[in-house]
N, C-alpha and C. Protein backbone atom coordinates (compact mmCIF):
# COMPACT_ATOMS: atom_id res chain seq x y z
N UNK A 1 5.39 -1.92 22.61
CA UNK A 1 6.34 -1.38 21.66
C UNK A 1 7.58 -0.97 22.42
N UNK A 2 8.69 -1.25 21.83
CA UNK A 2 9.96 -0.86 22.43
C UNK A 2 10.38 0.49 21.91
N UNK A 3 10.88 1.35 22.78
CA UNK A 3 11.36 2.65 22.36
C UNK A 3 12.54 2.56 21.42
N UNK A 4 13.21 1.43 21.41
CA UNK A 4 14.37 1.27 20.53
C UNK A 4 13.97 1.22 19.07
N UNK A 5 12.79 0.72 18.77
CA UNK A 5 12.37 0.59 17.38
C UNK A 5 11.37 1.65 16.96
N UNK A 6 11.10 2.60 17.82
CA UNK A 6 10.09 3.61 17.53
C UNK A 6 10.57 4.60 16.47
N UNK A 7 9.63 5.07 15.70
CA UNK A 7 9.94 6.11 14.72
C UNK A 7 10.29 7.38 15.47
N UNK A 8 11.30 8.07 15.02
CA UNK A 8 11.75 9.29 15.69
C UNK A 8 10.83 10.46 15.33
N UNK A 9 9.90 10.72 16.21
CA UNK A 9 8.96 11.82 15.99
C UNK A 9 8.89 12.68 17.24
N UNK A 10 8.57 13.93 17.06
CA UNK A 10 8.38 14.85 18.18
C UNK A 10 6.99 15.44 18.08
N UNK A 11 6.49 15.89 19.19
CA UNK A 11 5.21 16.59 19.19
C UNK A 11 5.46 17.98 18.63
N UNK A 12 4.85 18.30 17.52
CA UNK A 12 5.11 19.57 16.84
C UNK A 12 4.21 20.71 17.32
N UNK A 13 3.14 20.37 17.99
CA UNK A 13 2.20 21.40 18.44
C UNK A 13 2.40 21.76 19.90
N UNK A 14 3.63 21.74 20.37
CA UNK A 14 3.92 22.08 21.76
C UNK A 14 3.61 23.56 22.00
N UNK A 15 3.18 23.88 23.22
CA UNK A 15 2.92 25.30 23.51
C UNK A 15 4.17 26.15 23.29
N UNK A 16 3.95 27.43 23.06
CA UNK A 16 5.04 28.37 22.83
C UNK A 16 5.96 28.38 24.05
N UNK A 17 7.26 28.51 23.84
CA UNK A 17 8.29 28.59 24.86
C UNK A 17 8.54 27.25 25.56
N UNK A 18 8.07 26.16 25.01
CA UNK A 18 8.38 24.84 25.55
C UNK A 18 8.91 23.96 24.43
N UNK A 19 9.87 23.12 24.77
CA UNK A 19 10.41 22.20 23.78
C UNK A 19 9.42 21.07 23.54
N UNK A 20 9.37 20.55 22.30
CA UNK A 20 8.49 19.41 22.03
C UNK A 20 8.94 18.17 22.82
N UNK A 21 8.00 17.32 23.13
CA UNK A 21 8.31 16.08 23.82
C UNK A 21 8.89 15.12 22.79
N UNK A 22 10.02 14.53 23.09
CA UNK A 22 10.64 13.57 22.18
C UNK A 22 10.15 12.17 22.57
N UNK A 23 9.12 11.73 21.87
CA UNK A 23 8.43 10.49 22.21
C UNK A 23 9.38 9.29 22.22
N UNK A 24 10.22 9.18 21.22
CA UNK A 24 11.13 8.03 21.13
C UNK A 24 12.07 7.95 22.33
N UNK A 25 12.56 9.11 22.79
CA UNK A 25 13.45 9.12 23.96
C UNK A 25 12.69 8.72 25.22
N UNK A 26 11.44 9.17 25.34
CA UNK A 26 10.62 8.81 26.48
C UNK A 26 10.34 7.31 26.49
N UNK A 27 10.01 6.74 25.32
CA UNK A 27 9.77 5.30 25.23
C UNK A 27 11.03 4.51 25.57
N UNK A 28 12.15 4.95 25.07
CA UNK A 28 13.40 4.24 25.35
C UNK A 28 13.72 4.27 26.84
N UNK A 29 13.54 5.43 27.47
CA UNK A 29 13.77 5.53 28.91
C UNK A 29 12.87 4.56 29.67
N UNK A 30 11.59 4.52 29.28
CA UNK A 30 10.63 3.63 29.96
C UNK A 30 11.03 2.17 29.79
N UNK A 31 11.40 1.76 28.57
CA UNK A 31 11.77 0.37 28.34
C UNK A 31 13.09 0.01 29.02
N UNK A 32 14.06 0.92 28.98
CA UNK A 32 15.34 0.66 29.66
C UNK A 32 15.12 0.50 31.16
N UNK A 33 14.28 1.36 31.74
CA UNK A 33 13.99 1.27 33.18
C UNK A 33 13.29 -0.04 33.51
N UNK A 34 12.36 -0.44 32.64
CA UNK A 34 11.65 -1.70 32.85
C UNK A 34 12.62 -2.89 32.82
N UNK A 35 13.49 -2.92 31.82
CA UNK A 35 14.43 -4.04 31.71
C UNK A 35 15.41 -4.07 32.88
N UNK A 36 15.84 -2.90 33.34
CA UNK A 36 16.75 -2.84 34.49
C UNK A 36 16.08 -3.31 35.77
N UNK A 37 14.77 -3.18 35.86
CA UNK A 37 14.05 -3.58 37.07
C UNK A 37 14.03 -5.10 37.24
N UNK A 38 14.20 -5.83 36.15
CA UNK A 38 14.17 -7.29 36.22
C UNK A 38 12.77 -7.88 36.26
N UNK A 39 11.75 -7.06 36.10
CA UNK A 39 10.37 -7.55 36.10
C UNK A 39 10.13 -8.42 34.87
N UNK A 40 9.31 -9.46 35.01
CA UNK A 40 9.03 -10.31 33.84
C UNK A 40 8.21 -9.55 32.80
N UNK A 41 8.48 -9.84 31.54
CA UNK A 41 7.78 -9.15 30.45
C UNK A 41 6.34 -9.59 30.33
N UNK A 42 6.10 -10.87 30.42
CA UNK A 42 4.71 -11.35 30.35
C UNK A 42 4.52 -12.53 31.29
N UNK A 43 3.30 -12.89 31.45
CA UNK A 43 2.95 -13.93 32.41
C UNK A 43 3.27 -15.32 31.89
N UNK A 44 3.57 -16.20 32.82
CA UNK A 44 3.76 -17.59 32.45
C UNK A 44 2.47 -18.39 32.64
N UNK A 45 1.39 -17.69 33.00
CA UNK A 45 0.10 -18.37 33.17
C UNK A 45 -0.40 -18.88 31.82
N UNK A 46 -1.01 -20.04 31.82
CA UNK A 46 -1.63 -20.52 30.60
C UNK A 46 -2.91 -19.73 30.38
N UNK A 47 -3.24 -19.53 29.10
CA UNK A 47 -4.46 -18.79 28.78
C UNK A 47 -5.68 -19.61 29.16
N UNK A 48 -6.65 -18.94 29.75
CA UNK A 48 -7.91 -19.60 30.08
C UNK A 48 -8.67 -19.86 28.78
N UNK A 49 -9.35 -20.96 28.73
CA UNK A 49 -10.09 -21.34 27.52
C UNK A 49 -11.57 -21.00 27.61
N UNK A 50 -12.05 -20.61 28.79
CA UNK A 50 -13.49 -20.40 28.96
C UNK A 50 -13.98 -19.03 28.50
N UNK A 51 -13.09 -18.04 28.36
CA UNK A 51 -13.51 -16.74 27.82
C UNK A 51 -12.31 -15.91 27.43
N UNK A 52 -12.61 -14.83 26.69
CA UNK A 52 -11.58 -13.87 26.31
C UNK A 52 -12.19 -12.47 26.35
N UNK A 53 -11.36 -11.46 26.20
CA UNK A 53 -11.81 -10.07 26.24
C UNK A 53 -11.57 -9.46 24.87
N UNK A 54 -12.56 -8.73 24.35
CA UNK A 54 -12.41 -8.00 23.09
C UNK A 54 -12.18 -6.53 23.40
N UNK A 55 -11.16 -5.94 22.78
CA UNK A 55 -10.84 -4.53 22.99
C UNK A 55 -10.99 -3.80 21.67
N UNK A 56 -11.64 -2.66 21.69
CA UNK A 56 -11.89 -1.89 20.48
C UNK A 56 -10.79 -0.85 20.32
N UNK A 57 -10.05 -0.93 19.22
CA UNK A 57 -8.97 0.02 18.94
C UNK A 57 -7.65 -0.44 19.53
N UNK A 58 -6.57 0.05 18.93
CA UNK A 58 -5.23 -0.33 19.36
C UNK A 58 -4.50 0.86 19.98
N UNK A 59 -5.23 1.68 20.70
CA UNK A 59 -4.63 2.83 21.35
C UNK A 59 -3.96 2.44 22.66
N UNK A 60 -3.38 3.41 23.35
CA UNK A 60 -2.65 3.12 24.59
C UNK A 60 -3.52 2.43 25.65
N UNK A 61 -4.76 2.84 25.79
CA UNK A 61 -5.62 2.24 26.82
C UNK A 61 -5.91 0.77 26.50
N UNK A 62 -6.20 0.47 25.25
CA UNK A 62 -6.46 -0.92 24.86
C UNK A 62 -5.23 -1.79 25.03
N UNK A 63 -4.06 -1.27 24.65
CA UNK A 63 -2.84 -2.04 24.80
C UNK A 63 -2.49 -2.29 26.26
N UNK A 64 -2.71 -1.27 27.10
CA UNK A 64 -2.46 -1.44 28.54
C UNK A 64 -3.43 -2.46 29.13
N UNK A 65 -4.69 -2.39 28.72
CA UNK A 65 -5.69 -3.34 29.20
C UNK A 65 -5.34 -4.75 28.74
N UNK A 66 -4.93 -4.90 27.48
CA UNK A 66 -4.55 -6.21 26.95
C UNK A 66 -3.39 -6.80 27.75
N UNK A 67 -2.42 -5.98 28.07
CA UNK A 67 -1.27 -6.45 28.86
C UNK A 67 -1.72 -6.90 30.25
N UNK A 68 -2.63 -6.15 30.85
CA UNK A 68 -3.08 -6.48 32.21
C UNK A 68 -3.89 -7.77 32.22
N UNK A 69 -4.83 -7.93 31.29
CA UNK A 69 -5.63 -9.16 31.30
C UNK A 69 -4.77 -10.37 30.93
N UNK A 70 -3.76 -10.18 30.09
CA UNK A 70 -2.86 -11.28 29.74
C UNK A 70 -2.07 -11.74 30.98
N UNK A 71 -1.67 -10.79 31.80
CA UNK A 71 -0.97 -11.14 33.04
C UNK A 71 -1.83 -12.02 33.94
N UNK A 72 -3.13 -11.89 33.77
CA UNK A 72 -4.07 -12.67 34.58
C UNK A 72 -4.50 -13.96 33.88
N UNK A 73 -3.87 -14.26 32.74
CA UNK A 73 -4.16 -15.51 32.05
C UNK A 73 -5.37 -15.47 31.15
N UNK A 74 -5.79 -14.28 30.76
CA UNK A 74 -6.98 -14.13 29.92
C UNK A 74 -6.56 -13.63 28.54
N UNK A 75 -7.11 -14.22 27.50
CA UNK A 75 -6.79 -13.82 26.13
C UNK A 75 -7.49 -12.50 25.80
N UNK A 76 -6.76 -11.60 25.13
CA UNK A 76 -7.32 -10.31 24.72
C UNK A 76 -7.25 -10.22 23.20
N UNK A 77 -8.38 -9.96 22.56
CA UNK A 77 -8.44 -9.75 21.12
C UNK A 77 -8.60 -8.25 20.87
N UNK A 78 -7.64 -7.67 20.15
CA UNK A 78 -7.68 -6.23 19.85
C UNK A 78 -8.29 -6.06 18.46
N UNK A 79 -9.42 -5.37 18.40
CA UNK A 79 -10.12 -5.15 17.15
C UNK A 79 -9.83 -3.74 16.64
N UNK A 80 -9.32 -3.66 15.41
CA UNK A 80 -9.04 -2.37 14.79
C UNK A 80 -9.95 -2.20 13.59
N UNK A 81 -10.03 -1.01 13.08
CA UNK A 81 -10.93 -0.71 11.98
C UNK A 81 -10.66 -1.61 10.78
N UNK A 82 -9.41 -1.79 10.42
CA UNK A 82 -9.11 -2.62 9.24
C UNK A 82 -9.50 -4.08 9.47
N UNK A 83 -9.49 -4.53 10.70
CA UNK A 83 -9.86 -5.90 11.01
C UNK A 83 -11.39 -6.08 11.04
N UNK A 84 -12.12 -5.00 11.26
CA UNK A 84 -13.57 -5.06 11.36
C UNK A 84 -14.26 -4.93 10.00
N UNK A 85 -13.58 -4.34 9.03
CA UNK A 85 -14.18 -4.13 7.72
C UNK A 85 -14.15 -5.40 6.90
N UNK A 86 -15.21 -5.60 6.12
CA UNK A 86 -15.24 -6.75 5.22
C UNK A 86 -14.71 -6.34 3.87
N UNK A 87 -13.91 -7.20 3.26
CA UNK A 87 -13.36 -6.91 1.92
C UNK A 87 -14.25 -7.40 0.83
């Protein structure tokens, strides 16, 4: 996710005497720094056909894991609750 398109939200439950963390500004800083570094966004490796990785949930850890395995040429399937339920 790019910080440029993030919903502008702040952490409202910050401890007393501390300002809330402005998530959108933090994301934008991270993405701007990444783009300035010149690092490639994703791998040019072709996806391996012999196996893939299934990740449960679309939280930060699953997304980071998906990005890492993709860099290694492995397909990652992210399973979320709405995708697991039968209609």
